[in-house]
Amino acid sequence: MLSKPVFTAMNEQITHEMYSAYFYLSMSTYFEANNLPGFAKWLKAQFHEEQSHGLKFFEYIHDRGGKVTLGAIEQPPTEFESPLAVFKQVYEHELKVTALINNIYKVALAEGDIASQVFLHWFINEQVEEEKNASAIVDTLEKIGASVGSLYQLDHQLGKRG
């Protein structure tokens, strides 16, 4: 059975993960509208990944005897300035998610909930990867600057994501 503090933090994280999915889907729409299908595909993959993260928390809470209460999902932004601005937001968002996951871990640690600490290790490792990927795309976009050809090359590369 999950303690109330661990349950509350994990239950709230489901909403955060679903918002992340919605956020990335909104960004994907921006790229679709701007004829950059590779960026759009990459962000749709992120959308699906974030949904799966929310479901991992959902299933874990139920496995531990809890009953999930789904929260409202805030509307994400719908307007973006540029590909670089989008991916700066992606990176900043992943930093926020990392802080949320780390906080849940601290709560589980304070509660002596070893099973939840082990469960959260996967998310901690995942966040290292998420930050690295977003940071690399920001770095690449900063380097290519106004080069349309390079932007389309990056679009092609990102479109290869499975």
N, C-alpha and C. Protein backbone atom coordinates (compact mmCIF):
# COMPACT_ATOMS: atom_id res chain seq x y z
N MET A 1 0.84 -1.18 0.00
CA MET A 1 0.00 0.00 0.00
C MET A 1 0.89 1.25 0.00
N LEU A 2 0.54 2.19 -0.83
CA LEU A 2 1.28 3.45 -0.90
C LEU A 2 0.88 4.37 0.25
N SER A 3 1.85 5.07 0.78
CA SER A 3 1.53 6.09 1.78
C SER A 3 0.82 7.24 1.07
N LYS A 4 0.09 8.03 1.83
CA LYS A 4 -0.64 9.16 1.25
C LYS A 4 0.29 10.11 0.50
N PRO A 5 1.45 10.51 1.07
CA PRO A 5 2.33 11.43 0.33
C PRO A 5 2.85 10.85 -1.00
N VAL A 6 3.21 9.58 -1.01
CA VAL A 6 3.70 8.96 -2.25
C VAL A 6 2.54 8.84 -3.24
N PHE A 7 1.39 8.39 -2.76
CA PHE A 7 0.23 8.28 -3.64
C PHE A 7 -0.10 9.63 -4.28
N THR A 8 -0.16 10.67 -3.47
CA THR A 8 -0.52 12.00 -3.98
C THR A 8 0.46 12.46 -5.04
N ALA A 9 1.75 12.32 -4.76
CA ALA A 9 2.78 12.76 -5.71
C ALA A 9 2.70 11.97 -7.02
N MET A 10 2.50 10.67 -6.93
CA MET A 10 2.42 9.85 -8.14
C MET A 10 1.13 10.10 -8.91
N ASN A 11 0.04 10.27 -8.18
CA ASN A 11 -1.23 10.55 -8.84
C ASN A 11 -1.16 11.87 -9.60
N GLU A 12 -0.54 12.88 -9.00
CA GLU A 12 -0.36 14.17 -9.68
C GLU A 12 0.55 14.03 -10.89
N GLN A 13 1.52 13.12 -10.80
CA GLN A 13 2.45 12.94 -11.91
C GLN A 13 1.75 12.40 -13.15
N ILE A 14 0.70 11.63 -12.96
CA ILE A 14 -0.07 11.15 -14.12
C ILE A 14 -0.56 12.34 -14.93
N THR A 15 -1.11 13.34 -14.24
CA THR A 15 -1.59 14.54 -14.92
C THR A 15 -0.44 15.26 -15.62
N HIS A 16 0.70 15.36 -14.95
CA HIS A 16 1.86 16.01 -15.56
C HIS A 16 2.31 15.27 -16.82
N GLU A 17 2.32 13.95 -16.77
CA GLU A 17 2.74 13.17 -17.93
C GLU A 17 1.75 13.32 -19.09
N MET A 18 0.47 13.34 -18.77
CA MET A 18 -0.53 13.51 -19.82
C MET A 18 -0.48 14.93 -20.40
N TYR A 19 -0.19 15.91 -19.55
CA TYR A 19 0.00 17.26 -20.07
C TYR A 19 1.21 17.28 -21.01
N SER A 20 2.29 16.62 -20.61
CA SER A 20 3.48 16.57 -21.46
C SER A 20 3.13 16.00 -22.83
N ALA A 21 2.32 14.94 -22.85
CA ALA A 21 1.91 14.35 -24.12
C ALA A 21 1.14 15.37 -24.96
N TYR A 22 0.21 16.04 -24.34
CA TYR A 22 -0.60 17.04 -25.02
C TYR A 22 0.26 18.20 -25.53
N PHE A 23 1.22 18.61 -24.71
CA PHE A 23 2.16 19.68 -25.04
C PHE A 23 2.94 19.33 -26.30
N TYR A 24 3.46 18.09 -26.36
CA TYR A 24 4.24 17.67 -27.51
C TYR A 24 3.37 17.49 -28.75
N LEU A 25 2.13 17.06 -28.57
CA LEU A 25 1.23 16.93 -29.71
C LEU A 25 0.91 18.31 -30.29
N SER A 26 0.76 19.30 -29.43
CA SER A 26 0.53 20.67 -29.90
C SER A 26 1.73 21.17 -30.70
N MET A 27 2.92 20.87 -30.23
CA MET A 27 4.13 21.25 -30.95
C MET A 27 4.21 20.54 -32.30
N SER A 28 3.80 19.28 -32.32
CA SER A 28 3.79 18.52 -33.56
C SER A 28 2.89 19.20 -34.59
N THR A 29 1.77 19.70 -34.14
CA THR A 29 0.84 20.41 -35.02
C THR A 29 1.50 21.62 -35.66
N TYR A 30 2.29 22.34 -34.87
CA TYR A 30 3.03 23.50 -35.39
C TYR A 30 3.93 23.08 -36.54
N PHE A 31 4.65 21.98 -36.37
CA PHE A 31 5.57 21.52 -37.41
C PHE A 31 4.83 20.99 -38.64
N GLU A 32 3.71 20.31 -38.41
CA GLU A 32 2.90 19.86 -39.55
C GLU A 32 2.46 21.06 -40.38
N ALA A 33 2.01 22.11 -39.71
CA ALA A 33 1.53 23.31 -40.41
C ALA A 33 2.64 24.05 -41.14
N ASN A 34 3.89 23.82 -40.71
CA ASN A 34 5.03 24.49 -41.32
C ASN A 34 5.85 23.56 -42.22
N ASN A 35 5.23 22.47 -42.66
CA ASN A 35 5.85 21.54 -43.61
C ASN A 35 7.20 21.01 -43.14
N LEU A 36 7.26 20.65 -41.88
CA LEU A 36 8.45 20.01 -41.32
C LEU A 36 8.01 18.67 -40.69
N PRO A 37 7.72 17.69 -41.53
CA PRO A 37 7.15 16.43 -41.05
C PRO A 37 8.08 15.61 -40.15
N GLY A 38 9.38 15.77 -40.31
CA GLY A 38 10.31 15.03 -39.45
C GLY A 38 10.23 15.51 -38.00
N PHE A 39 10.21 16.83 -37.82
CA PHE A 39 10.04 17.39 -36.48
C PHE A 39 8.70 16.93 -35.91
N ALA A 40 7.65 16.99 -36.75
CA ALA A 40 6.32 16.58 -36.30
C ALA A 40 6.31 15.12 -35.86
N LYS A 41 6.96 14.27 -36.64
CA LYS A 41 7.02 12.84 -36.29
C LYS A 41 7.76 12.62 -34.98
N TRP A 42 8.87 13.34 -34.79
CA TRP A 42 9.66 13.20 -33.56
C TRP A 42 8.79 13.57 -32.35
N LEU A 43 8.04 14.65 -32.48
CA LEU A 43 7.21 15.10 -31.36
C LEU A 43 6.00 14.20 -31.15
N LYS A 44 5.48 13.59 -32.21
CA LYS A 44 4.40 12.61 -32.04
C LYS A 44 4.92 11.39 -31.29
N ALA A 45 6.15 11.00 -31.57
CA ALA A 45 6.76 9.89 -30.82
C ALA A 45 6.88 10.28 -29.34
N GLN A 46 7.24 11.53 -29.08
CA GLN A 46 7.30 12.02 -27.69
C GLN A 46 5.91 11.97 -27.04
N PHE A 47 4.90 12.35 -27.81
CA PHE A 47 3.51 12.30 -27.34
C PHE A 47 3.18 10.89 -26.84
N HIS A 48 3.46 9.89 -27.67
CA HIS A 48 3.16 8.51 -27.29
C HIS A 48 4.00 8.06 -26.08
N GLU A 49 5.24 8.49 -26.05
CA GLU A 49 6.11 8.13 -24.94
C GLU A 49 5.60 8.70 -23.63
N GLU A 50 5.18 9.95 -23.64
CA GLU A 50 4.67 10.57 -22.42
C GLU A 50 3.38 9.91 -21.96
N GLN A 51 2.53 9.53 -22.89
CA GLN A 51 1.33 8.79 -22.52
C GLN A 51 1.70 7.50 -21.81
N SER A 52 2.69 6.80 -22.36
CA SER A 52 3.10 5.54 -21.74
C SER A 52 3.68 5.76 -20.35
N HIS A 53 4.36 6.90 -20.14
CA HIS A 53 4.88 7.20 -18.81
C HIS A 53 3.73 7.40 -17.83
N GLY A 54 2.70 8.13 -18.26
CA GLY A 54 1.53 8.32 -17.40
C GLY A 54 0.88 7.00 -17.05
N LEU A 55 0.80 6.10 -18.03
CA LEU A 55 0.20 4.79 -17.78
C LEU A 55 1.04 3.94 -16.84
N LYS A 56 2.36 4.10 -16.88
CA LYS A 56 3.22 3.37 -15.94
C LYS A 56 2.88 3.76 -14.51
N PHE A 57 2.71 5.07 -14.27
CA PHE A 57 2.31 5.52 -12.94
C PHE A 57 0.92 5.00 -12.59
N PHE A 58 0.00 5.08 -13.53
CA PHE A 58 -1.37 4.62 -13.35
C PHE A 58 -1.38 3.15 -12.89
N GLU A 59 -0.66 2.31 -13.63
CA GLU A 59 -0.63 0.88 -13.31
C GLU A 59 0.08 0.61 -11.98
N TYR A 60 1.15 1.33 -11.72
CA TYR A 60 1.88 1.14 -10.47
C TYR A 60 1.00 1.48 -9.27
N ILE A 61 0.29 2.59 -9.35
CA ILE A 61 -0.59 2.97 -8.24
C ILE A 61 -1.62 1.86 -8.00
N HIS A 62 -2.22 1.34 -9.05
CA HIS A 62 -3.20 0.27 -8.90
C HIS A 62 -2.55 -1.01 -8.38
N ASP A 63 -1.35 -1.31 -8.85
CA ASP A 63 -0.63 -2.49 -8.36
C ASP A 63 -0.37 -2.41 -6.86
N ARG A 64 -0.23 -1.19 -6.37
CA ARG A 64 0.06 -0.99 -4.93
C ARG A 64 -1.21 -0.73 -4.12
N GLY A 65 -2.36 -0.98 -4.71
CA GLY A 65 -3.61 -0.90 -3.96
C GLY A 65 -4.27 0.47 -3.94
N GLY A 66 -3.77 1.39 -4.74
CA GLY A 66 -4.35 2.73 -4.77
C GLY A 66 -5.40 2.86 -5.86
N LYS A 67 -6.18 3.92 -5.77
CA LYS A 67 -7.19 4.23 -6.79
C LYS A 67 -6.86 5.60 -7.37
N VAL A 68 -6.53 5.61 -8.63
CA VAL A 68 -6.13 6.83 -9.32
C VAL A 68 -7.32 7.78 -9.42
N THR A 69 -7.02 9.06 -9.22
CA THR A 69 -7.99 10.12 -9.47
C THR A 69 -7.38 11.00 -10.55
N LEU A 70 -7.99 11.00 -11.73
CA LEU A 70 -7.44 11.76 -12.85
C LEU A 70 -7.75 13.24 -12.70
N GLY A 71 -6.73 14.06 -12.92
CA GLY A 71 -6.87 15.51 -12.84
C GLY A 71 -7.10 16.11 -14.22
N ALA A 72 -7.53 17.35 -14.24
CA ALA A 72 -7.73 18.08 -15.49
C ALA A 72 -6.38 18.36 -16.15
N ILE A 73 -6.39 18.30 -17.47
CA ILE A 73 -5.18 18.59 -18.24
C ILE A 73 -5.32 19.99 -18.82
N GLU A 74 -4.37 20.83 -18.47
CA GLU A 74 -4.35 22.22 -18.94
C GLU A 74 -4.13 22.25 -20.46
N GLN A 75 -4.70 23.25 -21.11
CA GLN A 75 -4.47 23.41 -22.55
C GLN A 75 -3.03 23.86 -22.78
N PRO A 76 -2.32 23.19 -23.69
CA PRO A 76 -0.94 23.61 -23.98
C PRO A 76 -0.93 24.82 -24.91
N PRO A 77 0.22 25.46 -25.04
CA PRO A 77 0.34 26.55 -26.01
C PRO A 77 0.05 26.02 -27.42
N THR A 78 -0.43 26.89 -28.27
CA THR A 78 -0.73 26.49 -29.66
C THR A 78 0.05 27.30 -30.68
N GLU A 79 0.73 28.34 -30.24
CA GLU A 79 1.52 29.18 -31.14
C GLU A 79 2.98 29.11 -30.72
N PHE A 80 3.86 28.98 -31.70
CA PHE A 80 5.29 28.90 -31.44
C PHE A 80 6.02 29.79 -32.42
N GLU A 81 7.14 30.34 -32.01
CA GLU A 81 7.89 31.29 -32.83
C GLU A 81 8.75 30.65 -33.91
N SER A 82 9.39 29.54 -33.56
CA SER A 82 10.36 28.94 -34.47
C SER A 82 10.70 27.54 -33.99
N PRO A 83 11.32 26.73 -34.84
CA PRO A 83 11.77 25.42 -34.38
C PRO A 83 12.69 25.51 -33.15
N LEU A 84 13.59 26.48 -33.15
CA LEU A 84 14.48 26.64 -32.01
C LEU A 84 13.69 26.98 -30.75
N ALA A 85 12.73 27.89 -30.86
CA ALA A 85 11.91 28.25 -29.69
C ALA A 85 11.15 27.04 -29.18
N VAL A 86 10.65 26.20 -30.08
CA VAL A 86 9.94 24.98 -29.67
C VAL A 86 10.86 24.09 -28.86
N PHE A 87 12.05 23.83 -29.38
CA PHE A 87 12.92 22.87 -28.70
C PHE A 87 13.56 23.44 -27.44
N LYS A 88 13.65 24.76 -27.34
CA LYS A 88 14.04 25.34 -26.05
C LYS A 88 12.95 25.06 -25.02
N GLN A 89 11.69 25.14 -25.46
CA GLN A 89 10.58 24.82 -24.55
C GLN A 89 10.58 23.33 -24.19
N VAL A 90 10.89 22.49 -25.15
CA VAL A 90 10.97 21.05 -24.88
C VAL A 90 12.02 20.81 -23.80
N TYR A 91 13.20 21.40 -23.97
CA TYR A 91 14.28 21.20 -23.00
C TYR A 91 13.88 21.72 -21.61
N GLU A 92 13.32 22.92 -21.56
CA GLU A 92 12.88 23.48 -20.27
C GLU A 92 11.81 22.61 -19.63
N HIS A 93 10.92 22.08 -20.45
CA HIS A 93 9.86 21.21 -19.93
C HIS A 93 10.46 19.93 -19.35
N GLU A 94 11.42 19.36 -20.04
CA GLU A 94 12.05 18.13 -19.53
C GLU A 94 12.79 18.39 -18.22
N LEU A 95 13.38 19.57 -18.08
CA LEU A 95 14.01 19.91 -16.79
C LEU A 95 12.96 19.95 -15.68
N LYS A 96 11.80 20.49 -15.99
CA LYS A 96 10.70 20.55 -15.02
C LYS A 96 10.24 19.14 -14.64
N VAL A 97 10.10 18.28 -15.64
CA VAL A 97 9.67 16.90 -15.37
C VAL A 97 10.72 16.19 -14.52
N THR A 98 11.98 16.42 -14.81
CA THR A 98 13.04 15.82 -13.99
C THR A 98 12.89 16.25 -12.53
N ALA A 99 12.64 17.52 -12.30
CA ALA A 99 12.45 18.01 -10.93
C ALA A 99 11.25 17.34 -10.27
N LEU A 100 10.18 17.14 -11.02
CA LEU A 100 8.99 16.48 -10.47
C LEU A 100 9.30 15.03 -10.09
N ILE A 101 9.98 14.31 -10.96
CA ILE A 101 10.35 12.92 -10.68
C ILE A 101 11.28 12.85 -9.48
N ASN A 102 12.26 13.74 -9.44
CA ASN A 102 13.18 13.76 -8.30
C ASN A 102 12.44 14.03 -7.00
N ASN A 103 11.44 14.89 -7.05
CA ASN A 103 10.65 15.18 -5.85
C ASN A 103 9.88 13.94 -5.39
N ILE A 104 9.30 13.22 -6.34
CA ILE A 104 8.58 11.99 -5.95
C ILE A 104 9.55 11.01 -5.30
N TYR A 105 10.74 10.91 -5.85
CA TYR A 105 11.75 10.02 -5.27
C TYR A 105 12.07 10.44 -3.84
N LYS A 106 12.23 11.74 -3.61
CA LYS A 106 12.51 12.24 -2.26
C LYS A 106 11.37 11.90 -1.30
N VAL A 107 10.14 12.00 -1.78
CA VAL A 107 8.99 11.64 -0.95
C VAL A 107 9.03 10.15 -0.62
N ALA A 108 9.28 9.32 -1.62
CA ALA A 108 9.36 7.87 -1.40
C ALA A 108 10.48 7.54 -0.43
N LEU A 109 11.59 8.23 -0.56
CA LEU A 109 12.72 8.02 0.35
C LEU A 109 12.34 8.40 1.78
N ALA A 110 11.70 9.54 1.94
CA ALA A 110 11.28 10.00 3.27
C ALA A 110 10.26 9.05 3.89
N GLU A 111 9.45 8.42 3.04
CA GLU A 111 8.43 7.49 3.51
C GLU A 111 8.97 6.08 3.70
N GLY A 112 10.23 5.86 3.32
CA GLY A 112 10.82 4.52 3.44
C GLY A 112 10.21 3.54 2.46
N ASP A 113 9.68 4.02 1.35
CA ASP A 113 9.01 3.18 0.35
C ASP A 113 10.04 2.72 -0.67
N ILE A 114 10.66 1.60 -0.38
CA ILE A 114 11.74 1.07 -1.22
C ILE A 114 11.22 0.65 -2.59
N ALA A 115 10.05 0.01 -2.64
CA ALA A 115 9.50 -0.43 -3.92
C ALA A 115 9.29 0.77 -4.86
N SER A 116 8.78 1.86 -4.32
CA SER A 116 8.57 3.05 -5.17
C SER A 116 9.89 3.66 -5.60
N GLN A 117 10.90 3.61 -4.72
CA GLN A 117 12.22 4.12 -5.11
C GLN A 117 12.76 3.32 -6.29
N VAL A 118 12.62 2.01 -6.23
CA VAL A 118 13.08 1.15 -7.33
C VAL A 118 12.29 1.47 -8.61
N PHE A 119 10.98 1.59 -8.49
CA PHE A 119 10.12 1.94 -9.63
C PHE A 119 10.58 3.25 -10.26
N LEU A 120 10.92 4.23 -9.46
CA LEU A 120 11.29 5.55 -9.95
C LEU A 120 12.66 5.60 -10.61
N HIS A 121 13.51 4.61 -10.35
CA HIS A 121 14.84 4.60 -10.99
C HIS A 121 14.70 4.62 -12.51
N TRP A 122 13.73 3.91 -13.06
CA TRP A 122 13.53 3.89 -14.50
C TRP A 122 13.26 5.31 -15.01
N PHE A 123 12.41 6.05 -14.30
CA PHE A 123 12.07 7.41 -14.71
C PHE A 123 13.27 8.36 -14.58
N ILE A 124 14.06 8.16 -13.55
CA ILE A 124 15.24 9.00 -13.35
C ILE A 124 16.20 8.80 -14.53
N ASN A 125 16.43 7.56 -14.91
CA ASN A 125 17.30 7.27 -16.06
C ASN A 125 16.69 7.80 -17.35
N GLU A 126 15.39 7.68 -17.50
CA GLU A 126 14.69 8.17 -18.69
C GLU A 126 14.86 9.68 -18.82
N GLN A 127 14.81 10.39 -17.71
CA GLN A 127 14.93 11.85 -17.76
C GLN A 127 16.33 12.29 -18.19
N VAL A 128 17.34 11.53 -17.83
CA VAL A 128 18.69 11.85 -18.31
C VAL A 128 18.70 11.81 -19.83
N GLU A 129 18.09 10.77 -20.40
CA GLU A 129 18.02 10.63 -21.85
C GLU A 129 17.18 11.74 -22.48
N GLU A 130 16.04 12.06 -21.86
CA GLU A 130 15.15 13.10 -22.41
C GLU A 130 15.86 14.45 -22.45
N GLU A 131 16.54 14.80 -21.37
CA GLU A 131 17.27 16.08 -21.33
C GLU A 131 18.38 16.10 -22.38
N LYS A 132 19.10 14.99 -22.50
CA LYS A 132 20.20 14.91 -23.47
C LYS A 132 19.68 15.09 -24.90
N ASN A 133 18.60 14.41 -25.24
CA ASN A 133 18.05 14.50 -26.60
C ASN A 133 17.56 15.90 -26.91
N ALA A 134 16.82 16.50 -26.00
CA ALA A 134 16.31 17.86 -26.23
C ALA A 134 17.45 18.86 -26.33
N SER A 135 18.43 18.73 -25.46
CA SER A 135 19.58 19.63 -25.46
C SER A 135 20.36 19.52 -26.78
N ALA A 136 20.51 18.32 -27.29
CA ALA A 136 21.25 18.11 -28.54
C ALA A 136 20.52 18.77 -29.72
N ILE A 137 19.20 18.69 -29.72
CA ILE A 137 18.44 19.32 -30.81
C ILE A 137 18.53 20.83 -30.71
N VAL A 138 18.44 21.37 -29.50
CA VAL A 138 18.60 22.82 -29.31
C VAL A 138 19.97 23.25 -29.81
N ASP A 139 21.00 22.52 -29.43
CA ASP A 139 22.36 22.85 -29.85
C ASP A 139 22.49 22.83 -31.37
N THR A 140 21.93 21.82 -32.00
CA THR A 140 21.99 21.73 -33.46
C THR A 140 21.25 22.88 -34.12
N LEU A 141 20.05 23.19 -33.63
CA LEU A 141 19.28 24.30 -34.19
C LEU A 141 20.01 25.64 -34.02
N GLU A 142 20.68 25.81 -32.89
CA GLU A 142 21.45 27.05 -32.69
C GLU A 142 22.61 27.12 -33.68
N LYS A 143 23.25 26.00 -33.95
CA LYS A 143 24.38 25.97 -34.89
C LYS A 143 23.95 26.22 -36.32
N ILE A 144 22.80 25.69 -36.72
CA ILE A 144 22.41 25.85 -38.12
C ILE A 144 21.81 27.23 -38.38
N GLY A 145 21.36 27.91 -37.35
CA GLY A 145 20.86 29.26 -37.51
C GLY A 145 19.78 29.39 -38.56
N ALA A 146 19.99 30.28 -39.53
CA ALA A 146 18.98 30.58 -40.55
C ALA A 146 19.13 29.71 -41.80
N SER A 147 19.96 28.70 -41.77
CA SER A 147 20.18 27.85 -42.94
C SER A 147 18.97 26.94 -43.17
N VAL A 148 18.19 27.26 -44.19
CA VAL A 148 16.99 26.48 -44.50
C VAL A 148 17.37 25.06 -44.91
N GLY A 149 18.44 24.93 -45.68
CA GLY A 149 18.89 23.60 -46.11
C GLY A 149 19.23 22.72 -44.92
N SER A 150 19.94 23.29 -43.96
CA SER A 150 20.31 22.54 -42.76
C SER A 150 19.08 22.18 -41.93
N LEU A 151 18.11 23.10 -41.90
CA LEU A 151 16.87 22.83 -41.17
C LEU A 151 16.17 21.62 -41.77
N TYR A 152 16.10 21.56 -43.10
CA TYR A 152 15.45 20.43 -43.76
C TYR A 152 16.25 19.14 -43.58
N GLN A 153 17.57 19.24 -43.50
CA GLN A 153 18.38 18.04 -43.22
C GLN A 153 18.08 17.51 -41.82
N LEU A 154 17.99 18.43 -40.85
CA LEU A 154 17.65 18.02 -39.48
C LEU A 154 16.24 17.44 -39.45
N ASP A 155 15.32 18.06 -40.18
CA ASP A 155 13.95 17.55 -40.25
C ASP A 155 13.96 16.11 -40.76
N HIS A 156 14.73 15.86 -41.81
CA HIS A 156 14.84 14.51 -42.36
C HIS A 156 15.41 13.55 -41.32
N GLN A 157 16.45 13.97 -40.62
CA GLN A 157 17.08 13.12 -39.60
C GLN A 157 16.11 12.80 -38.47
N LEU A 158 15.38 13.81 -37.98
CA LEU A 158 14.44 13.58 -36.87
C LEU A 158 13.28 12.70 -37.31
N GLY A 159 12.95 12.75 -38.58
CA GLY A 159 11.86 11.92 -39.10
C GLY A 159 12.18 10.44 -39.11
N LYS A 160 13.42 10.06 -38.90
CA LYS A 160 13.82 8.66 -38.87
C LYS A 160 13.52 8.00 -37.52
N ARG A 161 13.10 8.82 -36.55
CA ARG A 161 12.81 8.27 -35.22
C ARG A 161 11.66 7.27 -35.32
N GLY A 162 11.86 6.11 -34.71
CA GLY A 162 10.85 5.05 -34.78
C GLY A 162 9.69 5.21 -33.89
